[in-house]
N, C-alpha and C. Protein backbone atom coordinates (compact mmCIF):
# COMPACT_ATOMS: atom_id res chain seq x y z
N MET A 1 10.05 -22.43 -48.87
CA MET A 1 11.02 -21.62 -48.11
C MET A 1 10.30 -20.43 -47.47
N THR A 2 10.65 -20.14 -46.24
CA THR A 2 10.00 -19.03 -45.53
C THR A 2 10.51 -17.69 -46.04
N SER A 3 9.60 -16.78 -46.27
CA SER A 3 9.96 -15.46 -46.79
C SER A 3 10.79 -14.69 -45.77
N PRO A 4 11.82 -13.95 -46.21
CA PRO A 4 12.61 -13.10 -45.29
C PRO A 4 11.75 -12.09 -44.56
N ILE A 5 10.69 -11.60 -45.22
CA ILE A 5 9.79 -10.62 -44.59
C ILE A 5 9.06 -11.25 -43.41
N VAL A 6 8.60 -12.52 -43.60
CA VAL A 6 7.90 -13.22 -42.53
C VAL A 6 8.83 -13.44 -41.34
N LEU A 7 10.09 -13.82 -41.63
CA LEU A 7 11.06 -14.03 -40.56
C LEU A 7 11.30 -12.77 -39.76
N LYS A 8 11.37 -11.62 -40.45
CA LYS A 8 11.58 -10.35 -39.77
C LYS A 8 10.40 -10.01 -38.88
N VAL A 9 9.18 -10.27 -39.37
CA VAL A 9 7.98 -9.97 -38.58
C VAL A 9 7.93 -10.84 -37.34
N VAL A 10 8.22 -12.16 -37.51
CA VAL A 10 8.22 -13.07 -36.36
C VAL A 10 9.27 -12.64 -35.34
N SER A 11 10.45 -12.27 -35.82
CA SER A 11 11.52 -11.83 -34.92
C SER A 11 11.11 -10.60 -34.14
N ALA A 12 10.45 -9.67 -34.81
CA ALA A 12 10.01 -8.43 -34.15
C ALA A 12 8.97 -8.72 -33.08
N VAL A 13 8.04 -9.64 -33.38
CA VAL A 13 6.99 -9.98 -32.41
C VAL A 13 7.61 -10.65 -31.18
N VAL A 14 8.54 -11.58 -31.41
CA VAL A 14 9.20 -12.26 -30.29
C VAL A 14 9.94 -11.26 -29.42
N THR A 15 10.62 -10.30 -30.04
CA THR A 15 11.36 -9.29 -29.30
C THR A 15 10.43 -8.47 -28.43
N VAL A 16 9.30 -8.05 -28.97
CA VAL A 16 8.32 -7.25 -28.22
C VAL A 16 7.77 -8.03 -27.04
N VAL A 17 7.42 -9.33 -27.29
CA VAL A 17 6.85 -10.16 -26.24
C VAL A 17 7.83 -10.34 -25.09
N PHE A 18 9.10 -10.65 -25.40
CA PHE A 18 10.08 -10.86 -24.34
C PHE A 18 10.42 -9.57 -23.62
N SER A 19 10.42 -8.45 -24.33
CA SER A 19 10.67 -7.15 -23.69
C SER A 19 9.57 -6.82 -22.71
N PHE A 20 8.30 -7.06 -23.11
CA PHE A 20 7.17 -6.79 -22.23
C PHE A 20 7.23 -7.68 -21.00
N ALA A 21 7.58 -8.96 -21.20
CA ALA A 21 7.65 -9.90 -20.08
C ALA A 21 8.71 -9.47 -19.08
N ALA A 22 9.84 -8.98 -19.58
CA ALA A 22 10.90 -8.52 -18.69
C ALA A 22 10.46 -7.33 -17.87
N VAL A 23 9.77 -6.38 -18.51
CA VAL A 23 9.28 -5.20 -17.79
C VAL A 23 8.24 -5.59 -16.75
N ALA A 24 7.32 -6.46 -17.13
CA ALA A 24 6.26 -6.88 -16.21
C ALA A 24 6.85 -7.59 -15.00
N SER A 25 7.88 -8.43 -15.25
CA SER A 25 8.52 -9.15 -14.15
C SER A 25 9.22 -8.20 -13.21
N ASP A 26 9.93 -7.23 -13.75
CA ASP A 26 10.70 -6.30 -12.94
C ASP A 26 9.79 -5.38 -12.14
N SER A 27 8.67 -4.96 -12.72
CA SER A 27 7.78 -4.03 -12.05
C SER A 27 6.73 -4.73 -11.20
N ALA A 28 6.66 -6.09 -11.37
CA ALA A 28 5.64 -6.89 -10.66
C ALA A 28 4.25 -6.40 -10.99
N GLY A 29 4.06 -5.79 -12.18
CA GLY A 29 2.75 -5.35 -12.60
C GLY A 29 2.19 -4.21 -11.79
N ALA A 30 3.04 -3.42 -11.15
CA ALA A 30 2.58 -2.34 -10.27
C ALA A 30 2.38 -1.04 -11.03
N ILE A 31 1.31 -0.35 -10.70
CA ILE A 31 0.99 0.94 -11.31
C ILE A 31 0.65 1.92 -10.19
N VAL A 32 1.21 3.14 -10.25
CA VAL A 32 0.84 4.18 -9.30
C VAL A 32 -0.13 5.13 -9.97
N LEU A 33 -1.17 5.50 -9.23
CA LEU A 33 -2.22 6.40 -9.73
C LEU A 33 -2.31 7.59 -8.77
N PRO A 34 -1.64 8.69 -9.07
CA PRO A 34 -1.64 9.84 -8.16
C PRO A 34 -2.96 10.59 -8.19
N GLU A 35 -3.37 11.11 -7.03
CA GLU A 35 -4.55 11.97 -7.00
C GLU A 35 -4.25 13.30 -7.68
N LYS A 36 -3.03 13.75 -7.53
CA LYS A 36 -2.62 15.03 -8.12
C LYS A 36 -1.29 14.84 -8.83
N THR A 37 -0.20 15.02 -8.12
CA THR A 37 1.14 14.81 -8.66
C THR A 37 1.99 14.12 -7.61
N VAL A 38 2.77 13.14 -8.05
CA VAL A 38 3.73 12.49 -7.15
C VAL A 38 5.11 12.61 -7.78
N SER A 39 6.11 12.38 -6.96
CA SER A 39 7.49 12.34 -7.45
C SER A 39 7.95 10.89 -7.45
N ILE A 40 8.49 10.45 -8.59
CA ILE A 40 9.07 9.12 -8.69
C ILE A 40 10.54 9.28 -9.07
N ASN A 41 11.40 8.89 -8.15
CA ASN A 41 12.85 9.06 -8.36
C ASN A 41 13.20 10.51 -8.68
N GLY A 42 12.47 11.44 -8.06
CA GLY A 42 12.75 12.87 -8.24
C GLY A 42 12.07 13.51 -9.43
N ASN A 43 11.30 12.73 -10.21
CA ASN A 43 10.62 13.26 -11.39
C ASN A 43 9.12 13.37 -11.12
N ALA A 44 8.53 14.52 -11.45
CA ALA A 44 7.11 14.75 -11.22
C ALA A 44 6.28 13.91 -12.18
N VAL A 45 5.25 13.24 -11.65
CA VAL A 45 4.35 12.41 -12.44
C VAL A 45 2.92 12.76 -12.04
N ASN A 46 2.07 13.07 -13.02
CA ASN A 46 0.68 13.43 -12.70
C ASN A 46 -0.34 12.50 -13.35
N GLY A 47 0.11 11.35 -13.85
CA GLY A 47 -0.79 10.35 -14.41
C GLY A 47 -0.32 8.96 -14.00
N SER A 48 -1.03 7.93 -14.45
CA SER A 48 -0.64 6.57 -14.10
C SER A 48 0.77 6.27 -14.60
N HIS A 49 1.52 5.49 -13.81
CA HIS A 49 2.92 5.26 -14.13
C HIS A 49 3.35 3.90 -13.58
N ALA A 50 4.08 3.12 -14.37
CA ALA A 50 4.57 1.82 -13.92
C ALA A 50 5.64 1.99 -12.85
N LEU A 51 5.67 1.06 -11.91
CA LEU A 51 6.67 1.09 -10.84
C LEU A 51 7.62 -0.09 -11.00
N PHE A 52 8.88 0.16 -10.67
CA PHE A 52 9.91 -0.87 -10.72
C PHE A 52 10.55 -1.00 -9.34
N LYS A 53 11.12 -2.15 -9.08
CA LYS A 53 11.78 -2.39 -7.80
C LYS A 53 12.84 -1.32 -7.54
N GLY A 54 12.79 -0.74 -6.35
CA GLY A 54 13.74 0.30 -5.98
C GLY A 54 13.28 1.71 -6.26
N ASP A 55 12.13 1.87 -6.95
CA ASP A 55 11.62 3.22 -7.22
C ASP A 55 11.27 3.92 -5.90
N LEU A 56 11.60 5.21 -5.83
CA LEU A 56 11.29 6.03 -4.66
C LEU A 56 10.08 6.90 -4.99
N ILE A 57 9.04 6.81 -4.19
CA ILE A 57 7.78 7.53 -4.43
C ILE A 57 7.56 8.53 -3.32
N GLN A 58 7.23 9.76 -3.69
CA GLN A 58 6.99 10.83 -2.72
C GLN A 58 5.69 11.53 -3.07
N THR A 59 4.73 11.58 -2.13
CA THR A 59 3.50 12.33 -2.36
C THR A 59 3.63 13.72 -1.77
N ASN A 60 2.73 14.62 -2.21
CA ASN A 60 2.71 15.97 -1.64
C ASN A 60 1.50 16.09 -0.72
N ASP A 61 0.68 17.11 -0.91
CA ASP A 61 -0.48 17.30 -0.04
C ASP A 61 -1.66 16.41 -0.42
N ARG A 62 -1.49 15.60 -1.46
CA ARG A 62 -2.53 14.64 -1.84
C ARG A 62 -1.91 13.25 -1.85
N GLY A 63 -2.76 12.24 -1.84
CA GLY A 63 -2.28 10.87 -1.79
C GLY A 63 -2.18 10.23 -3.16
N ALA A 64 -2.03 8.91 -3.16
CA ALA A 64 -1.93 8.14 -4.39
C ALA A 64 -2.36 6.71 -4.12
N THR A 65 -2.68 5.99 -5.19
CA THR A 65 -3.01 4.58 -5.10
C THR A 65 -1.97 3.79 -5.89
N ILE A 66 -1.54 2.67 -5.34
CA ILE A 66 -0.66 1.75 -6.05
C ILE A 66 -1.40 0.43 -6.19
N ALA A 67 -1.47 -0.09 -7.40
CA ALA A 67 -2.15 -1.36 -7.66
C ALA A 67 -1.15 -2.37 -8.20
N SER A 68 -1.12 -3.55 -7.60
CA SER A 68 -0.29 -4.64 -8.10
C SER A 68 -1.07 -5.94 -7.95
N THR A 69 -0.59 -6.99 -8.55
CA THR A 69 -1.29 -8.27 -8.49
C THR A 69 -1.43 -8.75 -7.05
N GLY A 70 -2.66 -8.86 -6.59
CA GLY A 70 -2.92 -9.36 -5.25
C GLY A 70 -2.90 -8.33 -4.15
N SER A 71 -2.54 -7.08 -4.45
CA SER A 71 -2.45 -6.06 -3.40
C SER A 71 -2.81 -4.68 -3.96
N VAL A 72 -3.42 -3.86 -3.11
CA VAL A 72 -3.72 -2.47 -3.44
C VAL A 72 -3.31 -1.61 -2.25
N PHE A 73 -2.74 -0.44 -2.54
CA PHE A 73 -2.19 0.42 -1.50
C PHE A 73 -2.74 1.83 -1.64
N ALA A 74 -3.10 2.43 -0.51
CA ALA A 74 -3.39 3.86 -0.47
C ALA A 74 -2.19 4.52 0.20
N VAL A 75 -1.57 5.45 -0.49
CA VAL A 75 -0.41 6.16 0.04
C VAL A 75 -0.90 7.51 0.56
N GLY A 76 -0.60 7.82 1.79
CA GLY A 76 -1.07 9.05 2.40
C GLY A 76 -0.33 10.27 1.88
N PRO A 77 -0.84 11.48 2.15
CA PRO A 77 -0.13 12.71 1.78
C PRO A 77 1.16 12.85 2.57
N PHE A 78 2.11 13.57 1.99
CA PHE A 78 3.40 13.82 2.63
C PHE A 78 4.07 12.51 3.04
N SER A 79 4.03 11.54 2.14
CA SER A 79 4.60 10.22 2.42
C SER A 79 5.71 9.90 1.43
N SER A 80 6.64 9.07 1.88
CA SER A 80 7.75 8.65 1.05
C SER A 80 7.99 7.17 1.28
N LEU A 81 8.15 6.41 0.18
CA LEU A 81 8.38 4.98 0.31
C LEU A 81 9.22 4.47 -0.85
N GLU A 82 9.83 3.32 -0.62
CA GLU A 82 10.60 2.63 -1.66
C GLU A 82 9.83 1.38 -2.06
N TRP A 83 9.58 1.23 -3.37
CA TRP A 83 8.78 0.12 -3.86
C TRP A 83 9.62 -1.15 -4.01
N GLY A 84 9.02 -2.30 -3.64
CA GLY A 84 9.65 -3.59 -3.83
C GLY A 84 8.65 -4.57 -4.41
N ILE A 85 9.14 -5.71 -4.90
CA ILE A 85 8.27 -6.67 -5.56
C ILE A 85 7.27 -7.29 -4.59
N ASP A 86 7.72 -7.64 -3.38
CA ASP A 86 6.80 -8.23 -2.40
C ASP A 86 6.87 -7.53 -1.05
N ALA A 87 7.46 -6.34 -1.03
CA ALA A 87 7.55 -5.57 0.21
C ALA A 87 7.83 -4.12 -0.13
N THR A 88 7.46 -3.24 0.77
CA THR A 88 7.75 -1.82 0.57
C THR A 88 8.39 -1.25 1.83
N VAL A 89 9.28 -0.29 1.64
CA VAL A 89 9.97 0.34 2.75
C VAL A 89 9.41 1.75 2.93
N ILE A 90 8.83 2.03 4.09
CA ILE A 90 8.21 3.32 4.37
C ILE A 90 9.24 4.22 5.03
N ARG A 91 9.46 5.38 4.44
CA ARG A 91 10.45 6.32 4.97
C ARG A 91 9.80 7.45 5.77
N SER A 92 8.61 7.85 5.37
CA SER A 92 7.87 8.88 6.11
C SER A 92 6.41 8.79 5.71
N GLY A 93 5.52 9.41 6.52
CA GLY A 93 4.09 9.34 6.21
C GLY A 93 3.55 7.95 6.45
N GLY A 94 2.73 7.45 5.53
CA GLY A 94 2.17 6.12 5.75
C GLY A 94 1.42 5.56 4.57
N ILE A 95 1.08 4.27 4.68
CA ILE A 95 0.31 3.58 3.65
C ILE A 95 -0.74 2.69 4.31
N SER A 96 -1.78 2.42 3.55
CA SER A 96 -2.77 1.41 3.92
C SER A 96 -2.66 0.31 2.88
N VAL A 97 -2.57 -0.94 3.33
CA VAL A 97 -2.35 -2.07 2.44
C VAL A 97 -3.53 -3.03 2.53
N LYS A 98 -4.06 -3.41 1.37
CA LYS A 98 -5.06 -4.47 1.31
C LYS A 98 -4.47 -5.56 0.41
N THR A 99 -4.25 -6.76 0.96
CA THR A 99 -3.50 -7.77 0.23
C THR A 99 -4.08 -9.17 0.42
N THR A 100 -3.89 -10.01 -0.58
CA THR A 100 -4.21 -11.43 -0.47
C THR A 100 -2.94 -12.26 -0.58
N LYS A 101 -1.77 -11.60 -0.59
CA LYS A 101 -0.51 -12.31 -0.80
C LYS A 101 0.53 -12.03 0.28
N GLN A 102 0.09 -11.70 1.47
CA GLN A 102 1.01 -11.45 2.58
C GLN A 102 2.06 -10.40 2.24
N PHE A 103 1.67 -9.36 1.49
CA PHE A 103 2.62 -8.30 1.14
C PHE A 103 3.09 -7.63 2.42
N SER A 104 4.40 -7.51 2.58
CA SER A 104 4.96 -6.98 3.82
C SER A 104 5.42 -5.54 3.65
N SER A 105 5.61 -4.88 4.78
CA SER A 105 6.10 -3.50 4.80
C SER A 105 7.17 -3.38 5.86
N SER A 106 8.16 -2.53 5.61
CA SER A 106 9.21 -2.28 6.58
C SER A 106 9.22 -0.81 6.95
N ILE A 107 9.48 -0.55 8.23
CA ILE A 107 9.61 0.82 8.69
C ILE A 107 10.65 0.84 9.80
N PHE A 108 11.70 1.62 9.61
CA PHE A 108 12.85 1.59 10.52
C PHE A 108 13.35 0.16 10.66
N ASN A 109 13.42 -0.35 11.89
CA ASN A 109 13.93 -1.70 12.12
C ASN A 109 12.84 -2.76 12.16
N LEU A 110 11.60 -2.40 11.83
CA LEU A 110 10.47 -3.33 11.93
C LEU A 110 10.03 -3.85 10.57
N LYS A 111 9.63 -5.11 10.54
CA LYS A 111 9.01 -5.70 9.36
C LYS A 111 7.60 -6.15 9.73
N VAL A 112 6.63 -5.74 8.92
CA VAL A 112 5.22 -6.02 9.18
C VAL A 112 4.69 -6.97 8.11
N ARG A 113 3.98 -8.01 8.53
CA ARG A 113 3.49 -9.01 7.57
C ARG A 113 2.18 -9.62 8.09
N PRO A 114 1.17 -9.76 7.22
CA PRO A 114 -0.05 -10.45 7.66
C PRO A 114 0.28 -11.85 8.19
N GLN A 115 -0.41 -12.25 9.24
CA GLN A 115 -0.08 -13.51 9.90
C GLN A 115 -0.45 -14.73 9.06
N LYS A 116 -1.59 -14.68 8.38
CA LYS A 116 -2.06 -15.84 7.64
C LYS A 116 -1.71 -15.73 6.15
N PRO A 117 -1.09 -16.77 5.59
CA PRO A 117 -0.81 -16.76 4.14
C PRO A 117 -2.07 -17.00 3.34
N ASN A 118 -2.10 -16.44 2.13
CA ASN A 118 -3.20 -16.67 1.19
C ASN A 118 -4.57 -16.33 1.79
N ALA A 119 -4.59 -15.32 2.64
CA ALA A 119 -5.84 -14.87 3.24
C ALA A 119 -5.91 -13.35 3.11
N ALA A 120 -7.12 -12.83 3.04
CA ALA A 120 -7.28 -11.39 2.91
C ALA A 120 -6.76 -10.69 4.16
N GLY A 121 -5.99 -9.63 3.96
CA GLY A 121 -5.48 -8.84 5.07
C GLY A 121 -5.48 -7.37 4.72
N GLU A 122 -5.66 -6.53 5.72
CA GLU A 122 -5.63 -5.09 5.50
C GLU A 122 -4.99 -4.44 6.73
N TYR A 123 -4.02 -3.57 6.47
CA TYR A 123 -3.33 -2.94 7.60
C TYR A 123 -2.82 -1.56 7.22
N VAL A 124 -2.46 -0.80 8.25
CA VAL A 124 -1.95 0.55 8.08
C VAL A 124 -0.60 0.65 8.79
N VAL A 125 0.35 1.31 8.13
CA VAL A 125 1.65 1.58 8.73
C VAL A 125 1.96 3.06 8.51
N ALA A 126 2.33 3.76 9.57
CA ALA A 126 2.62 5.19 9.43
C ALA A 126 3.66 5.63 10.45
N VAL A 127 4.40 6.66 10.10
CA VAL A 127 5.31 7.31 11.04
C VAL A 127 5.13 8.81 10.90
N GLU A 128 4.69 9.43 11.98
CA GLU A 128 4.46 10.88 12.02
C GLU A 128 4.70 11.36 13.44
N ASN A 129 5.23 12.56 13.55
CA ASN A 129 5.45 13.17 14.87
C ASN A 129 6.26 12.25 15.79
N GLU A 130 7.30 11.61 15.21
CA GLU A 130 8.18 10.73 15.98
C GLU A 130 7.43 9.57 16.61
N ARG A 131 6.38 9.11 15.96
CA ARG A 131 5.61 7.99 16.48
C ARG A 131 5.26 7.04 15.34
N VAL A 132 5.48 5.75 15.58
CA VAL A 132 5.14 4.72 14.60
C VAL A 132 3.82 4.09 14.99
N THR A 133 2.94 3.93 14.00
CA THR A 133 1.65 3.29 14.21
C THR A 133 1.49 2.16 13.20
N ILE A 134 1.11 0.99 13.69
CA ILE A 134 0.86 -0.18 12.84
C ILE A 134 -0.48 -0.76 13.24
N GLY A 135 -1.47 -0.65 12.37
CA GLY A 135 -2.83 -1.07 12.70
C GLY A 135 -3.29 -2.26 11.88
N ALA A 136 -3.87 -3.27 12.54
CA ALA A 136 -4.41 -4.46 11.87
C ALA A 136 -5.90 -4.25 11.65
N LYS A 137 -6.27 -3.85 10.44
CA LYS A 137 -7.68 -3.58 10.14
C LYS A 137 -8.45 -4.86 9.85
N VAL A 138 -7.87 -5.74 9.03
CA VAL A 138 -8.48 -7.04 8.72
C VAL A 138 -7.39 -8.10 8.85
N GLY A 139 -7.58 -9.04 9.76
CA GLY A 139 -6.57 -10.07 9.98
C GLY A 139 -5.48 -9.61 10.92
N ALA A 140 -4.84 -10.56 11.59
CA ALA A 140 -3.76 -10.23 12.52
C ALA A 140 -2.45 -9.99 11.77
N LEU A 141 -1.53 -9.28 12.44
CA LEU A 141 -0.23 -8.96 11.87
C LEU A 141 0.89 -9.50 12.75
N ASN A 142 1.97 -9.94 12.12
CA ASN A 142 3.20 -10.23 12.83
C ASN A 142 4.17 -9.08 12.61
N VAL A 143 4.76 -8.60 13.68
CA VAL A 143 5.73 -7.50 13.62
C VAL A 143 7.02 -7.98 14.27
N THR A 144 8.13 -7.88 13.54
CA THR A 144 9.40 -8.32 14.07
C THR A 144 10.46 -7.23 13.94
N ASP A 145 11.39 -7.23 14.90
CA ASP A 145 12.52 -6.30 14.83
C ASP A 145 13.81 -7.04 14.52
N GLY A 146 13.68 -8.31 14.10
CA GLY A 146 14.85 -9.12 13.81
C GLY A 146 15.25 -10.00 14.96
N ASN A 147 14.79 -9.68 16.15
CA ASN A 147 15.08 -10.47 17.34
C ASN A 147 13.80 -11.02 17.96
N ALA A 148 12.85 -10.14 18.21
CA ALA A 148 11.57 -10.53 18.81
C ALA A 148 10.44 -10.31 17.81
N THR A 149 9.37 -11.06 18.00
CA THR A 149 8.18 -10.92 17.15
C THR A 149 6.96 -10.80 18.04
N ILE A 150 6.08 -9.86 17.71
CA ILE A 150 4.81 -9.76 18.42
C ILE A 150 3.68 -9.83 17.41
N THR A 151 2.50 -10.20 17.88
CA THR A 151 1.32 -10.29 17.02
C THR A 151 0.33 -9.20 17.41
N ILE A 152 -0.15 -8.48 16.40
CA ILE A 152 -1.18 -7.47 16.61
C ILE A 152 -2.51 -8.08 16.18
N PRO A 153 -3.46 -8.25 17.10
CA PRO A 153 -4.75 -8.84 16.73
C PRO A 153 -5.55 -7.91 15.81
N GLU A 154 -6.46 -8.46 15.06
CA GLU A 154 -7.35 -7.67 14.22
C GLU A 154 -8.10 -6.65 15.07
N GLY A 155 -8.18 -5.41 14.57
CA GLY A 155 -8.87 -4.36 15.29
C GLY A 155 -8.02 -3.63 16.31
N ARG A 156 -6.74 -4.02 16.41
CA ARG A 156 -5.84 -3.38 17.36
C ARG A 156 -4.67 -2.76 16.60
N ALA A 157 -3.90 -1.94 17.31
CA ALA A 157 -2.77 -1.25 16.67
C ALA A 157 -1.61 -1.14 17.64
N LEU A 158 -0.42 -1.21 17.10
CA LEU A 158 0.80 -0.96 17.86
C LEU A 158 1.15 0.51 17.72
N VAL A 159 1.45 1.15 18.83
CA VAL A 159 1.87 2.55 18.84
C VAL A 159 3.14 2.64 19.66
N ALA A 160 4.19 3.23 19.08
CA ALA A 160 5.46 3.29 19.78
C ALA A 160 6.25 4.52 19.34
N PRO A 161 7.02 5.11 20.25
CA PRO A 161 7.85 6.25 19.87
C PRO A 161 9.07 5.80 19.07
N VAL A 162 9.58 6.71 18.27
CA VAL A 162 10.84 6.48 17.57
C VAL A 162 11.96 6.87 18.53
N VAL A 163 12.85 5.92 18.79
CA VAL A 163 13.90 6.14 19.80
C VAL A 163 15.26 5.73 19.25
N PRO A 164 16.34 6.23 19.85
CA PRO A 164 17.67 5.74 19.46
C PRO A 164 17.80 4.26 19.83
N LEU A 165 18.36 3.48 18.94
CA LEU A 165 18.53 2.06 19.20
C LEU A 165 19.89 1.79 19.84
N PRO A 166 19.95 0.85 20.78
CA PRO A 166 21.23 0.56 21.44
C PRO A 166 22.17 -0.23 20.54
N SER A 167 23.43 -0.22 20.91
CA SER A 167 24.41 -1.05 20.22
C SER A 167 24.14 -2.52 20.53
N THR A 168 24.53 -3.39 19.61
CA THR A 168 24.36 -4.82 19.80
C THR A 168 25.68 -5.53 19.55
N GLU A 169 25.76 -6.81 19.96
CA GLU A 169 26.95 -7.61 19.70
C GLU A 169 26.60 -8.76 18.77
N ASP A 170 27.51 -9.07 17.83
CA ASP A 170 27.28 -10.22 16.97
C ASP A 170 27.78 -11.49 17.66
N GLN A 171 27.75 -12.62 16.98
CA GLN A 171 28.11 -13.90 17.60
C GLN A 171 29.58 -13.95 18.01
N GLN A 172 30.40 -13.14 17.39
CA GLN A 172 31.82 -13.11 17.74
C GLN A 172 32.11 -12.12 18.87
N GLY A 173 31.06 -11.47 19.38
CA GLY A 173 31.25 -10.52 20.47
C GLY A 173 31.65 -9.14 20.02
N THR A 174 31.62 -8.90 18.71
CA THR A 174 31.97 -7.58 18.19
C THR A 174 30.79 -6.63 18.37
N VAL A 175 31.04 -5.48 18.92
CA VAL A 175 29.97 -4.51 19.14
C VAL A 175 29.61 -3.86 17.81
N LYS A 176 28.33 -3.92 17.47
CA LYS A 176 27.84 -3.32 16.23
C LYS A 176 27.25 -1.95 16.53
N ALA A 177 27.49 -1.01 15.65
CA ALA A 177 26.97 0.34 15.84
C ALA A 177 25.44 0.31 15.81
N PRO A 178 24.79 1.19 16.55
CA PRO A 178 23.33 1.23 16.54
C PRO A 178 22.79 1.61 15.16
N ALA A 179 21.62 1.08 14.83
CA ALA A 179 20.99 1.38 13.53
C ALA A 179 20.25 2.71 13.61
N ASN A 180 20.95 3.73 14.09
CA ASN A 180 20.38 5.07 14.19
C ASN A 180 19.16 5.05 15.10
N VAL A 181 17.97 5.19 14.53
CA VAL A 181 16.76 5.20 15.35
C VAL A 181 15.80 4.12 14.87
N GLY A 182 14.84 3.80 15.72
CA GLY A 182 13.86 2.77 15.36
C GLY A 182 12.84 2.62 16.46
N VAL A 183 12.31 1.41 16.58
CA VAL A 183 11.25 1.13 17.56
C VAL A 183 11.71 0.00 18.47
N ALA A 184 11.57 0.20 19.77
CA ALA A 184 11.81 -0.85 20.76
C ALA A 184 10.47 -1.50 21.07
N LEU A 185 10.29 -2.75 20.66
CA LEU A 185 9.00 -3.41 20.83
C LEU A 185 8.59 -3.49 22.30
N ALA A 186 9.58 -3.53 23.20
CA ALA A 186 9.27 -3.59 24.62
C ALA A 186 8.57 -2.32 25.11
N HIS A 187 8.74 -1.22 24.37
CA HIS A 187 8.13 0.05 24.78
C HIS A 187 6.86 0.38 23.98
N ALA A 188 6.38 -0.58 23.20
CA ALA A 188 5.20 -0.33 22.37
C ALA A 188 3.92 -0.60 23.15
N ASP A 189 2.88 0.15 22.81
CA ASP A 189 1.55 -0.06 23.38
C ASP A 189 0.64 -0.66 22.31
N ILE A 190 -0.30 -1.49 22.73
CA ILE A 190 -1.33 -2.03 21.84
C ILE A 190 -2.66 -1.40 22.22
N VAL A 191 -3.28 -0.71 21.26
CA VAL A 191 -4.51 0.03 21.53
C VAL A 191 -5.56 -0.34 20.49
N ALA A 192 -6.78 0.09 20.75
CA ALA A 192 -7.86 -0.10 19.77
C ALA A 192 -7.59 0.78 18.55
N ILE A 193 -7.76 0.21 17.36
CA ILE A 193 -7.47 0.96 16.15
C ILE A 193 -8.42 2.14 15.97
N THR A 194 -9.58 2.08 16.60
CA THR A 194 -10.57 3.13 16.44
C THR A 194 -10.15 4.46 17.07
N VAL A 195 -9.18 4.44 17.98
CA VAL A 195 -8.78 5.68 18.65
C VAL A 195 -7.63 6.39 17.94
N LEU A 196 -7.10 5.81 16.88
CA LEU A 196 -5.89 6.34 16.28
C LEU A 196 -6.07 7.68 15.57
N ALA A 197 -7.18 7.85 14.85
CA ALA A 197 -7.36 9.04 14.04
C ALA A 197 -7.38 10.32 14.87
N ALA A 198 -7.81 10.21 16.12
CA ALA A 198 -7.92 11.40 16.96
C ALA A 198 -6.58 12.08 17.18
N GLY A 199 -5.51 11.30 17.32
CA GLY A 199 -4.21 11.90 17.59
C GLY A 199 -3.21 11.73 16.47
N GLY A 200 -3.68 11.32 15.30
CA GLY A 200 -2.77 11.05 14.19
C GLY A 200 -2.44 12.27 13.37
N GLY A 201 -1.39 12.14 12.56
CA GLY A 201 -1.00 13.20 11.64
C GLY A 201 -1.78 13.12 10.35
N ALA A 202 -1.38 13.92 9.37
CA ALA A 202 -2.14 14.04 8.12
C ALA A 202 -2.27 12.71 7.40
N ALA A 203 -1.17 11.97 7.29
CA ALA A 203 -1.20 10.70 6.55
C ALA A 203 -2.08 9.68 7.25
N LEU A 204 -1.94 9.54 8.57
CA LEU A 204 -2.71 8.54 9.31
C LEU A 204 -4.19 8.85 9.29
N VAL A 205 -4.56 10.09 9.50
CA VAL A 205 -5.97 10.48 9.46
C VAL A 205 -6.56 10.19 8.08
N TYR A 206 -5.81 10.53 7.04
CA TYR A 206 -6.24 10.27 5.65
C TYR A 206 -6.49 8.78 5.44
N LEU A 207 -5.56 7.95 5.88
CA LEU A 207 -5.65 6.52 5.63
C LEU A 207 -6.76 5.87 6.42
N LEU A 208 -7.05 6.38 7.61
CA LEU A 208 -8.06 5.77 8.46
C LEU A 208 -9.47 6.28 8.20
N THR A 209 -9.60 7.49 7.70
CA THR A 209 -10.94 8.08 7.59
C THR A 209 -11.37 8.43 6.17
N ASN A 210 -10.44 8.78 5.31
CA ASN A 210 -10.83 9.30 4.00
C ASN A 210 -10.70 8.31 2.87
N ARG A 211 -9.95 7.23 3.05
CA ARG A 211 -9.63 6.41 1.91
C ARG A 211 -9.43 4.95 2.32
N ALA A 212 -10.02 4.05 1.58
CA ALA A 212 -9.76 2.62 1.74
C ALA A 212 -9.44 2.06 0.37
N PRO A 213 -8.36 1.32 0.20
CA PRO A 213 -8.04 0.76 -1.10
C PRO A 213 -9.14 -0.15 -1.61
N SER A 214 -9.30 -0.21 -2.91
CA SER A 214 -10.24 -1.16 -3.50
C SER A 214 -9.73 -2.57 -3.29
N SER A 215 -10.63 -3.55 -3.44
CA SER A 215 -10.23 -4.94 -3.23
C SER A 215 -9.21 -5.36 -4.26
N PRO A 216 -8.14 -6.06 -3.82
CA PRO A 216 -7.12 -6.49 -4.77
C PRO A 216 -7.56 -7.70 -5.57
N SER A 217 -6.92 -7.88 -6.71
CA SER A 217 -7.14 -9.08 -7.50
C SER A 217 -6.37 -10.21 -6.88
N SER A 218 -6.91 -11.41 -6.92
CA SER A 218 -6.23 -12.58 -6.35
C SER A 218 -5.47 -13.35 -7.40
N ARG A 219 -5.26 -12.74 -8.58
CA ARG A 219 -4.56 -13.45 -9.65
C ARG A 219 -3.15 -13.81 -9.22
């Protein structure tokens, strides 16, 4: 007969294992490493900290690194973003992404995604001074606004002003309210990525000149 003590120990181990698995699944194995101090959901953090889907991250005058399976991110100073399992939403400032898993990023009405699946990609997304910049450092990028899609070749960048978006109609002809502000792809310019740092803000200059994420794990 199995000892009651053994049963309790086995039960405790199983509980710990399943609890850890649940946390790892929810956080997608992501860890933020601040250079100084960052805010996560309004709480100051000055050391490594696990990230969960929906967490809001805000940097101050220093940046941070986020590491997850298959992707590594450099977050610029004065930046704000919402973490997701396979995508991140940039609210201000910018990030540099190095990924082997087509990790996507959203900014205003745009979604950014490496063009080739299961291939190394590196890109920068930033919004500063009412201007959105999306740069393809390694590999091409697909950028969509939900209606149209354009491709940014490697070594090039999309630069566009933040503008009020027009009203649209759904399939029933109902006029939908504008999504506040965003980017009109028709008004975007494609430029060499090498010229961006000269006119960029603090986050963009940081991401292009001072910091490159380490290579991600392909696990």
